[in-house]
Amino acid sequence: MSDRAVGQPTEDSAFVRFLKRKWLAILLVLLLVVIAVQNGVANDQATIFVFWGQVQLPTWLLIVVVFLIGAITGWVLARNRAARKERRARR
């Protein structure tokens, strides 16, 4: 049995708290790295059609670019949401 009292909060280290909050993001980044490395070894090319032209680039680079676009979009949206909450709190 444990010597802690029932209902008493546990003292976690900062690292454990970080892992509890960010485990899904860490898992997704690890998955991205595995997929990018596997496609880097295969040396495949991907063709992307952008408006009137086309771009050909390695598949691993395409994966990283799409990830970065998603990360930047998520960061901007989270920043906007935090600013909106702050404005509402000041009213």
Protein backbone atom coordinates (compact mmCIF):
# COMPACT_ATOMS: atom_id res chain seq x y z
CA MET A 1 0.00 0.00 0.00
CA SER A 2 0.98 3.60 -0.41
CA ASP A 3 1.75 6.00 2.47
CA ARG A 4 -0.06 8.87 0.75
CA ALA A 5 -3.39 9.99 2.10
CA VAL A 6 -6.40 9.44 -0.09
CA GLY A 7 -7.10 12.46 -2.27
CA GLN A 8 -3.68 14.00 -1.68
CA PRO A 9 -2.12 15.25 -4.95
CA THR A 10 1.04 13.53 -6.12
CA GLU A 11 4.25 15.46 -6.71
CA ASP A 12 5.40 14.81 -10.27
CA SER A 13 8.61 16.14 -11.69
CA ALA A 14 8.43 18.79 -14.41
CA PHE A 15 9.51 16.21 -16.98
CA VAL A 16 6.69 13.82 -16.05
CA ARG A 17 4.13 16.65 -16.22
CA PHE A 18 5.51 17.61 -19.65
CA LEU A 19 5.16 14.01 -20.89
CA LYS A 20 1.61 13.74 -19.56
CA ARG A 21 0.56 16.86 -21.50
CA LYS A 22 2.52 16.31 -24.72
CA TRP A 23 2.59 12.52 -25.21
CA LEU A 24 0.46 12.58 -28.36
CA ALA A 25 2.53 15.30 -30.00
CA ILE A 26 5.75 13.43 -29.18
CA LEU A 27 4.32 10.22 -30.61
CA LEU A 28 3.26 11.97 -33.83
CA VAL A 29 6.68 13.59 -34.28
CA LEU A 30 8.37 10.20 -33.79
CA LEU A 31 6.01 8.70 -36.39
CA LEU A 32 6.88 11.55 -38.78
CA VAL A 33 10.60 10.88 -38.33
CA VAL A 34 10.18 7.15 -38.99
CA ILE A 35 8.12 7.76 -42.14
CA ALA A 36 10.51 10.43 -43.43
CA VAL A 37 13.55 8.20 -42.86
CA GLN A 38 11.87 5.23 -44.56
CA ASN A 39 10.99 7.37 -47.58
CA GLY A 40 14.47 8.92 -47.61
CA VAL A 41 16.04 5.49 -47.92
CA ALA A 42 13.67 4.54 -50.76
CA ASN A 43 14.71 7.67 -52.72
CA ASP A 44 11.25 8.12 -54.27
CA GLN A 45 10.17 11.34 -55.96
CA ALA A 46 6.78 13.00 -55.50
CA THR A 47 5.20 15.31 -58.06
CA ILE A 48 3.05 18.13 -56.71
CA PHE A 49 0.82 20.21 -58.97
CA VAL A 50 0.68 23.82 -57.78
CA PHE A 51 -1.69 26.06 -59.74
CA TRP A 52 -0.28 26.02 -63.28
CA GLY A 53 3.05 24.28 -62.60
CA GLN A 54 4.41 21.17 -61.03
CA VAL A 55 7.15 20.57 -58.51
CA GLN A 56 9.07 17.34 -58.13
CA LEU A 57 10.78 16.69 -54.80
CA PRO A 58 11.82 13.74 -52.64
CA THR A 59 8.94 12.12 -50.76
CA TRP A 60 10.64 12.57 -47.38
CA LEU A 61 10.93 16.30 -48.03
CA LEU A 62 7.25 16.49 -48.95
CA ILE A 63 6.37 14.79 -45.65
CA VAL A 64 8.48 17.26 -43.67
CA VAL A 65 7.05 20.27 -45.55
CA VAL A 66 3.46 19.14 -44.92
CA PHE A 67 4.29 18.61 -41.25
CA LEU A 68 5.79 22.10 -40.97
CA ILE A 69 2.76 23.67 -42.65
CA GLY A 70 0.49 21.87 -40.17
CA ALA A 71 2.67 22.84 -37.20
CA ILE A 72 2.71 26.51 -38.21
CA THR A 73 -1.04 26.49 -38.78
CA GLY A 74 -1.65 24.91 -35.37
CA TRP A 75 0.66 27.41 -33.68
CA VAL A 76 -1.11 30.38 -35.31
CA LEU A 77 -4.56 29.06 -34.42
CA ALA A 78 -3.55 28.36 -30.80
CA ARG A 79 -2.03 31.82 -30.53
CA ASN A 80 -5.21 33.43 -31.87
CA ARG A 81 -7.35 31.40 -29.48
CA ALA A 82 -5.20 32.46 -26.51
CA ALA A 83 -5.44 36.12 -27.58
CA ARG A 84 -9.23 35.83 -27.91
CA LYS A 85 -9.49 34.30 -24.43
CA GLU A 86 -7.34 37.06 -23.00
CA ARG A 87 -9.50 39.76 -24.62
CA ARG A 88 -12.66 38.13 -23.20
CA ALA A 89 -11.11 37.91 -19.75
CA ARG A 90 -10.32 41.66 -19.77
CA ARG A 91 -13.96 42.62 -20.46
